[in-house]
Amino acid sequence: MSIRQYNTELGSLIDKIVKVYINKDKFFVGKLMGISEDSNLILVNAKNEKSKLFPKLFIRNTFYNFVSLEEEPFPMVALSERIATIFSKGHVNYIEDQNIISILSGKILVDEKGVRGEGPSADRVRKIYEQFKMDLED
């Protein structure tokens, strides 16, 4: 692969979520915002392997081993905000470290795979969840 092809491929990752491996146990995941001519990287809203947040991170090319494309994370915060328009905000709680939404003190739980719970309120949340997923695909 030529340097030009390499730079083109790396450039195609701009504005995408990437994982930058420092070594086999240490990494950063964030949105790739910039790449210098010599492959230094700029990530925004990055998290390390311990989930520590870095609003903006500059990584020298000699510091990392490789970069991989990650899937876009499911926007749980946006979903919780949409659910909170139906239920009062005090009844909708986004639990970041578990990446779940707890509604009505845990009677209804929502993660990126779906809705767990029974009854009319859970059915209402399922409809919101399904509509939200359809909106993401548009």
N, C-alpha and C. Protein backbone atom coordinates (compact mmCIF):
# COMPACT_ATOMS: atom_id res chain seq x y z
N MET A 1 0.84 -1.17 0.00
CA MET A 1 0.00 0.00 0.00
C MET A 1 0.89 1.24 0.00
N SER A 2 0.56 2.18 -0.83
CA SER A 2 1.34 3.41 -0.90
C SER A 2 0.97 4.34 0.25
N ILE A 3 1.84 5.31 0.51
CA ILE A 3 1.56 6.30 1.55
C ILE A 3 0.29 7.06 1.23
N ARG A 4 0.07 7.35 -0.06
CA ARG A 4 -1.13 8.07 -0.48
C ARG A 4 -2.38 7.25 -0.16
N GLN A 5 -2.36 5.95 -0.44
CA GLN A 5 -3.52 5.09 -0.14
C GLN A 5 -3.75 5.03 1.37
N TYR A 6 -2.65 4.90 2.12
CA TYR A 6 -2.75 4.85 3.57
C TYR A 6 -3.41 6.12 4.10
N ASN A 7 -2.92 7.27 3.65
CA ASN A 7 -3.48 8.54 4.11
C ASN A 7 -4.94 8.71 3.70
N THR A 8 -5.29 8.21 2.51
CA THR A 8 -6.68 8.27 2.06
C THR A 8 -7.57 7.43 2.96
N GLU A 9 -7.12 6.22 3.28
CA GLU A 9 -7.90 5.34 4.16
C GLU A 9 -8.03 5.94 5.55
N LEU A 10 -6.93 6.44 6.09
CA LEU A 10 -6.99 7.06 7.41
C LEU A 10 -7.90 8.29 7.39
N GLY A 11 -7.81 9.07 6.34
CA GLY A 11 -8.66 10.26 6.19
C GLY A 11 -10.14 9.93 6.11
N SER A 12 -10.47 8.73 5.61
CA SER A 12 -11.87 8.34 5.51
C SER A 12 -12.50 8.11 6.89
N LEU A 13 -11.68 8.04 7.92
CA LEU A 13 -12.18 7.85 9.29
C LEU A 13 -12.54 9.15 9.99
N ILE A 14 -12.25 10.29 9.36
CA ILE A 14 -12.59 11.59 9.95
C ILE A 14 -14.09 11.65 10.19
N ASP A 15 -14.49 12.19 11.33
CA ASP A 15 -15.89 12.32 11.78
C ASP A 15 -16.54 10.99 12.12
N LYS A 16 -15.74 9.95 12.29
CA LYS A 16 -16.26 8.64 12.67
C LYS A 16 -15.73 8.29 14.07
N ILE A 17 -16.39 7.35 14.72
CA ILE A 17 -15.94 6.88 16.03
C ILE A 17 -14.86 5.83 15.80
N VAL A 18 -13.70 6.06 16.42
CA VAL A 18 -12.57 5.14 16.27
C VAL A 18 -12.06 4.72 17.64
N LYS A 19 -11.34 3.61 17.64
CA LYS A 19 -10.64 3.15 18.84
C LYS A 19 -9.15 3.21 18.51
N VAL A 20 -8.41 3.95 19.32
CA VAL A 20 -6.97 4.12 19.14
C VAL A 20 -6.28 3.31 20.23
N TYR A 21 -5.55 2.28 19.82
CA TYR A 21 -4.88 1.39 20.77
C TYR A 21 -3.49 1.91 21.09
N ILE A 22 -3.25 2.12 22.38
CA ILE A 22 -1.92 2.52 22.85
C ILE A 22 -1.08 1.26 23.04
N ASN A 23 -1.69 0.25 23.64
CA ASN A 23 -1.13 -1.11 23.72
C ASN A 23 -2.32 -2.05 23.85
N LYS A 24 -2.09 -3.31 24.16
CA LYS A 24 -3.21 -4.26 24.16
C LYS A 24 -4.24 -3.99 25.25
N ASP A 25 -3.85 -3.29 26.32
CA ASP A 25 -4.77 -3.03 27.42
C ASP A 25 -5.23 -1.58 27.53
N LYS A 26 -4.59 -0.68 26.82
CA LYS A 26 -4.91 0.75 26.92
C LYS A 26 -5.36 1.27 25.56
N PHE A 27 -6.45 2.04 25.60
CA PHE A 27 -6.99 2.58 24.35
C PHE A 27 -7.84 3.81 24.64
N PHE A 28 -8.19 4.52 23.59
CA PHE A 28 -9.12 5.64 23.63
C PHE A 28 -10.17 5.41 22.54
N VAL A 29 -11.42 5.72 22.86
CA VAL A 29 -12.50 5.66 21.88
C VAL A 29 -13.10 7.05 21.79
N GLY A 30 -13.20 7.58 20.58
CA GLY A 30 -13.78 8.91 20.41
C GLY A 30 -13.98 9.22 18.95
N LYS A 31 -14.47 10.42 18.69
CA LYS A 31 -14.70 10.87 17.32
C LYS A 31 -13.41 11.47 16.78
N LEU A 32 -12.95 10.93 15.66
CA LEU A 32 -11.72 11.41 15.03
C LEU A 32 -12.02 12.72 14.31
N MET A 33 -11.41 13.80 14.79
CA MET A 33 -11.68 15.12 14.22
C MET A 33 -10.57 15.61 13.30
N GLY A 34 -9.36 15.08 13.48
CA GLY A 34 -8.27 15.57 12.65
C GLY A 34 -7.09 14.63 12.63
N ILE A 35 -6.34 14.73 11.53
CA ILE A 35 -5.13 13.94 11.34
C ILE A 35 -4.08 14.85 10.72
N SER A 36 -2.89 14.86 11.30
CA SER A 36 -1.82 15.67 10.72
C SER A 36 -1.16 14.89 9.58
N GLU A 37 -0.27 15.55 8.87
CA GLU A 37 0.45 14.90 7.76
C GLU A 37 1.23 13.68 8.21
N ASP A 38 1.72 13.72 9.44
CA ASP A 38 2.49 12.58 9.94
C ASP A 38 1.68 11.68 10.88
N SER A 39 0.34 11.68 10.73
CA SER A 39 -0.59 10.77 11.40
C SER A 39 -0.78 11.00 12.89
N ASN A 40 -0.50 12.22 13.37
CA ASN A 40 -0.94 12.58 14.72
C ASN A 40 -2.46 12.70 14.66
N LEU A 41 -3.15 12.37 15.75
CA LEU A 41 -4.61 12.32 15.74
C LEU A 41 -5.21 13.30 16.73
N ILE A 42 -6.41 13.78 16.41
CA ILE A 42 -7.20 14.57 17.34
C ILE A 42 -8.53 13.85 17.52
N LEU A 43 -8.84 13.48 18.77
CA LEU A 43 -10.13 12.87 19.11
C LEU A 43 -10.91 13.84 19.98
N VAL A 44 -12.24 13.84 19.83
CA VAL A 44 -13.10 14.60 20.73
C VAL A 44 -14.06 13.65 21.41
N ASN A 45 -14.49 14.04 22.61
CA ASN A 45 -15.39 13.22 23.42
C ASN A 45 -14.87 11.79 23.54
N ALA A 46 -13.58 11.69 23.82
CA ALA A 46 -12.93 10.38 23.91
C ALA A 46 -13.02 9.83 25.33
N LYS A 47 -13.07 8.52 25.42
CA LYS A 47 -13.01 7.83 26.70
C LYS A 47 -11.89 6.81 26.64
N ASN A 48 -11.22 6.62 27.78
CA ASN A 48 -10.19 5.58 27.82
C ASN A 48 -10.81 4.27 28.29
N GLU A 49 -9.97 3.28 28.50
CA GLU A 49 -10.45 1.95 28.90
C GLU A 49 -11.12 1.96 30.27
N LYS A 50 -10.89 3.01 31.05
CA LYS A 50 -11.52 3.14 32.36
C LYS A 50 -12.73 4.07 32.32
N SER A 51 -13.16 4.44 31.11
CA SER A 51 -14.31 5.33 30.87
C SER A 51 -14.08 6.76 31.35
N LYS A 52 -12.82 7.16 31.53
CA LYS A 52 -12.54 8.55 31.86
C LYS A 52 -12.71 9.38 30.59
N LEU A 53 -13.44 10.49 30.71
CA LEU A 53 -13.76 11.33 29.55
C LEU A 53 -12.67 12.36 29.28
N PHE A 54 -12.32 12.52 28.00
CA PHE A 54 -11.39 13.53 27.55
C PHE A 54 -12.10 14.35 26.47
N PRO A 55 -12.50 15.60 26.75
CA PRO A 55 -13.24 16.38 25.77
C PRO A 55 -12.47 16.57 24.45
N LYS A 56 -11.16 16.76 24.54
CA LYS A 56 -10.33 16.88 23.34
C LYS A 56 -8.99 16.24 23.64
N LEU A 57 -8.53 15.39 22.73
CA LEU A 57 -7.33 14.62 22.98
C LEU A 57 -6.44 14.64 21.74
N PHE A 58 -5.18 14.99 21.91
CA PHE A 58 -4.20 14.99 20.83
C PHE A 58 -3.26 13.80 21.06
N ILE A 59 -3.13 12.93 20.07
CA ILE A 59 -2.31 11.72 20.23
C ILE A 59 -1.20 11.73 19.18
N ARG A 60 0.05 11.73 19.65
CA ARG A 60 1.20 11.70 18.74
C ARG A 60 1.29 10.34 18.04
N ASN A 61 1.76 10.35 16.82
CA ASN A 61 1.85 9.11 16.03
C ASN A 61 2.77 8.07 16.66
N THR A 62 3.73 8.48 17.47
CA THR A 62 4.63 7.52 18.11
C THR A 62 4.02 6.90 19.37
N PHE A 63 2.85 7.41 19.79
CA PHE A 63 2.23 6.98 21.03
C PHE A 63 1.24 5.82 20.83
N TYR A 64 0.69 5.67 19.62
CA TYR A 64 -0.33 4.63 19.43
C TYR A 64 0.15 3.55 18.46
N ASN A 65 -0.46 2.35 18.59
CA ASN A 65 -0.09 1.22 17.75
C ASN A 65 -0.98 1.08 16.52
N PHE A 66 -2.30 1.14 16.73
CA PHE A 66 -3.21 1.05 15.59
C PHE A 66 -4.55 1.68 15.91
N VAL A 67 -5.35 1.88 14.86
CA VAL A 67 -6.64 2.54 14.95
C VAL A 67 -7.68 1.63 14.30
N SER A 68 -8.85 1.49 14.94
CA SER A 68 -9.93 0.71 14.33
C SER A 68 -11.21 1.54 14.31
N LEU A 69 -12.03 1.29 13.31
CA LEU A 69 -13.32 1.94 13.20
C LEU A 69 -14.29 1.27 14.15
N GLU A 70 -15.01 2.05 14.93
CA GLU A 70 -16.00 1.54 15.87
C GLU A 70 -17.38 1.89 15.35
N GLU A 71 -18.37 1.13 15.80
CA GLU A 71 -19.74 1.47 15.46
C GLU A 71 -20.15 2.72 16.23
N GLU A 72 -21.05 3.49 15.65
CA GLU A 72 -21.59 4.64 16.36
C GLU A 72 -22.32 4.14 17.60
N PRO A 73 -22.08 4.73 18.74
CA PRO A 73 -22.79 4.29 19.93
C PRO A 73 -24.27 4.64 19.86
N PHE A 74 -25.09 3.78 20.43
CA PHE A 74 -26.53 4.04 20.45
C PHE A 74 -26.77 5.27 21.33
N PRO A 75 -27.51 6.27 20.83
CA PRO A 75 -27.68 7.53 21.57
C PRO A 75 -28.69 7.41 22.71
N MET A 76 -28.26 6.77 23.79
CA MET A 76 -29.14 6.51 24.94
C MET A 76 -29.61 7.81 25.61
N VAL A 77 -28.75 8.82 25.67
CA VAL A 77 -29.13 10.08 26.31
C VAL A 77 -30.29 10.72 25.53
N ALA A 78 -30.17 10.73 24.20
CA ALA A 78 -31.25 11.30 23.38
C ALA A 78 -32.54 10.51 23.55
N LEU A 79 -32.43 9.19 23.63
CA LEU A 79 -33.62 8.37 23.84
C LEU A 79 -34.23 8.67 25.21
N SER A 80 -33.41 8.82 26.24
CA SER A 80 -33.96 9.12 27.57
C SER A 80 -34.65 10.47 27.57
N GLU A 81 -34.12 11.44 26.83
CA GLU A 81 -34.76 12.75 26.73
C GLU A 81 -36.10 12.64 26.03
N ARG A 82 -36.18 11.81 25.00
CA ARG A 82 -37.45 11.63 24.31
C ARG A 82 -38.47 10.95 25.22
N ILE A 83 -38.04 9.94 25.95
CA ILE A 83 -38.95 9.26 26.88
C ILE A 83 -39.42 10.23 27.96
N ALA A 84 -38.54 11.13 28.40
CA ALA A 84 -38.88 12.09 29.46
C ALA A 84 -39.93 13.09 29.01
N THR A 85 -40.19 13.20 27.71
CA THR A 85 -41.26 14.09 27.26
C THR A 85 -42.63 13.47 27.55
N ILE A 86 -42.68 12.17 27.72
CA ILE A 86 -43.93 11.47 28.02
C ILE A 86 -44.09 11.28 29.53
N PHE A 87 -43.02 10.83 30.18
CA PHE A 87 -43.01 10.65 31.63
C PHE A 87 -42.33 11.88 32.22
N SER A 88 -42.64 12.22 33.43
CA SER A 88 -41.95 13.37 34.02
C SER A 88 -40.48 13.00 34.23
N LYS A 89 -39.61 14.02 34.16
CA LYS A 89 -38.17 13.78 34.22
C LYS A 89 -37.74 13.04 35.48
N GLY A 90 -38.41 13.25 36.57
CA GLY A 90 -38.04 12.56 37.80
C GLY A 90 -38.24 11.05 37.73
N HIS A 91 -39.04 10.61 36.76
CA HIS A 91 -39.31 9.18 36.62
C HIS A 91 -38.44 8.52 35.57
N VAL A 92 -37.61 9.30 34.86
CA VAL A 92 -36.73 8.77 33.82
C VAL A 92 -35.30 9.05 34.24
N ASN A 93 -34.50 7.98 34.38
CA ASN A 93 -33.14 8.12 34.87
C ASN A 93 -32.18 7.37 33.94
N TYR A 94 -31.27 8.11 33.30
CA TYR A 94 -30.23 7.47 32.49
C TYR A 94 -29.06 7.11 33.39
N ILE A 95 -28.70 5.83 33.43
CA ILE A 95 -27.60 5.35 34.26
C ILE A 95 -26.41 5.11 33.33
N GLU A 96 -25.50 6.09 33.31
CA GLU A 96 -24.43 6.11 32.32
C GLU A 96 -23.50 4.91 32.41
N ASP A 97 -23.07 4.53 33.62
CA ASP A 97 -22.08 3.45 33.73
C ASP A 97 -22.64 2.10 33.29
N GLN A 98 -23.97 1.95 33.29
CA GLN A 98 -24.60 0.71 32.81
C GLN A 98 -25.20 0.89 31.43
N ASN A 99 -25.23 2.13 30.94
CA ASN A 99 -25.80 2.49 29.64
C ASN A 99 -27.25 1.99 29.52
N ILE A 100 -28.03 2.25 30.56
CA ILE A 100 -29.45 1.88 30.54
C ILE A 100 -30.29 3.06 31.01
N ILE A 101 -31.57 3.00 30.67
CA ILE A 101 -32.53 3.99 31.13
C ILE A 101 -33.48 3.27 32.08
N SER A 102 -33.63 3.81 33.27
CA SER A 102 -34.54 3.26 34.27
C SER A 102 -35.75 4.19 34.34
N ILE A 103 -36.94 3.61 34.19
CA ILE A 103 -38.17 4.39 34.21
C ILE A 103 -39.05 3.86 35.34
N LEU A 104 -39.67 4.80 36.05
CA LEU A 104 -40.55 4.46 37.17
C LEU A 104 -39.82 3.60 38.20
N SER A 105 -38.66 4.08 38.63
CA SER A 105 -37.85 3.43 39.67
C SER A 105 -37.47 1.99 39.31
N GLY A 106 -37.15 1.75 38.05
CA GLY A 106 -36.67 0.44 37.62
C GLY A 106 -37.75 -0.53 37.17
N LYS A 107 -39.01 -0.11 37.18
CA LYS A 107 -40.07 -1.00 36.71
C LYS A 107 -39.95 -1.26 35.21
N ILE A 108 -39.39 -0.28 34.50
CA ILE A 108 -39.14 -0.42 33.06
C ILE A 108 -37.66 -0.09 32.84
N LEU A 109 -36.96 -0.97 32.14
CA LEU A 109 -35.55 -0.76 31.81
C LEU A 109 -35.39 -0.76 30.29
N VAL A 110 -34.55 0.16 29.81
CA VAL A 110 -34.31 0.27 28.37
C VAL A 110 -32.81 0.25 28.14
N ASP A 111 -32.36 -0.61 27.23
CA ASP A 111 -30.99 -0.56 26.75
C ASP A 111 -31.05 -0.56 25.23
N GLU A 112 -29.90 -0.62 24.57
CA GLU A 112 -29.91 -0.54 23.11
C GLU A 112 -30.55 -1.75 22.45
N LYS A 113 -30.76 -2.83 23.20
CA LYS A 113 -31.39 -4.03 22.64
C LYS A 113 -32.91 -3.98 22.73
N GLY A 114 -33.45 -3.14 23.63
CA GLY A 114 -34.90 -3.07 23.73
C GLY A 114 -35.39 -2.67 25.10
N VAL A 115 -36.68 -2.95 25.32
CA VAL A 115 -37.39 -2.53 26.53
C VAL A 115 -37.77 -3.76 27.34
N ARG A 116 -37.50 -3.70 28.65
CA ARG A 116 -37.92 -4.76 29.56
C ARG A 116 -38.91 -4.17 30.54
N GLY A 117 -40.03 -4.84 30.68
CA GLY A 117 -41.08 -4.40 31.59
C GLY A 117 -42.43 -4.80 31.05
N GLU A 118 -43.43 -4.70 31.88
CA GLU A 118 -44.79 -5.12 31.52
C GLU A 118 -45.76 -3.98 31.77
N GLY A 119 -46.90 -4.04 31.09
CA GLY A 119 -47.99 -3.11 31.34
C GLY A 119 -48.07 -1.99 30.32
N PRO A 120 -49.07 -1.14 30.48
CA PRO A 120 -49.31 -0.05 29.52
C PRO A 120 -48.15 0.93 29.41
N SER A 121 -47.50 1.24 30.53
CA SER A 121 -46.36 2.17 30.47
C SER A 121 -45.21 1.56 29.68
N ALA A 122 -44.93 0.28 29.89
CA ALA A 122 -43.86 -0.40 29.14
C ALA A 122 -44.21 -0.45 27.66
N ASP A 123 -45.48 -0.68 27.34
CA ASP A 123 -45.91 -0.69 25.93
C ASP A 123 -45.69 0.68 25.29
N ARG A 124 -45.98 1.72 26.05
CA ARG A 124 -45.77 3.08 25.55
C ARG A 124 -44.29 3.35 25.28
N VAL A 125 -43.43 2.90 26.21
CA VAL A 125 -41.98 3.07 26.04
C VAL A 125 -41.50 2.28 24.82
N ARG A 126 -42.04 1.08 24.61
CA ARG A 126 -41.67 0.28 23.44
C ARG A 126 -41.97 1.03 22.14
N LYS A 127 -43.13 1.69 22.09
CA LYS A 127 -43.49 2.47 20.89
C LYS A 127 -42.51 3.61 20.67
N ILE A 128 -42.15 4.30 21.76
CA ILE A 128 -41.18 5.39 21.66
C ILE A 128 -39.84 4.85 21.19
N TYR A 129 -39.41 3.72 21.74
CA TYR A 129 -38.14 3.09 21.39
C TYR A 129 -38.12 2.71 19.90
N GLU A 130 -39.18 2.07 19.43
CA GLU A 130 -39.25 1.65 18.02
C GLU A 130 -39.24 2.85 17.09
N GLN A 131 -39.98 3.89 17.44
CA GLN A 131 -40.00 5.11 16.61
C GLN A 131 -38.61 5.76 16.61
N PHE A 132 -37.95 5.78 17.76
CA PHE A 132 -36.62 6.35 17.88
C PHE A 132 -35.64 5.62 16.96
N LYS A 133 -35.70 4.28 16.97
CA LYS A 133 -34.81 3.49 16.11
C LYS A 133 -35.09 3.76 14.64
N MET A 134 -36.37 3.90 14.26
CA MET A 134 -36.70 4.22 12.86
C MET A 134 -36.17 5.59 12.49
N ASP A 135 -36.27 6.56 13.40
CA ASP A 135 -35.76 7.90 13.14
C ASP A 135 -34.25 7.88 12.93
N LEU A 136 -33.53 7.01 13.65
CA LEU A 136 -32.08 6.91 13.50
C LEU A 136 -31.70 6.39 12.11
N GLU A 137 -32.52 5.53 11.56
CA GLU A 137 -32.21 4.92 10.26
C GLU A 137 -32.45 5.88 9.10
N ASP A 138 -33.26 6.93 9.34
CA ASP A 138 -33.54 7.91 8.27
C ASP A 138 -32.40 8.81 7.97
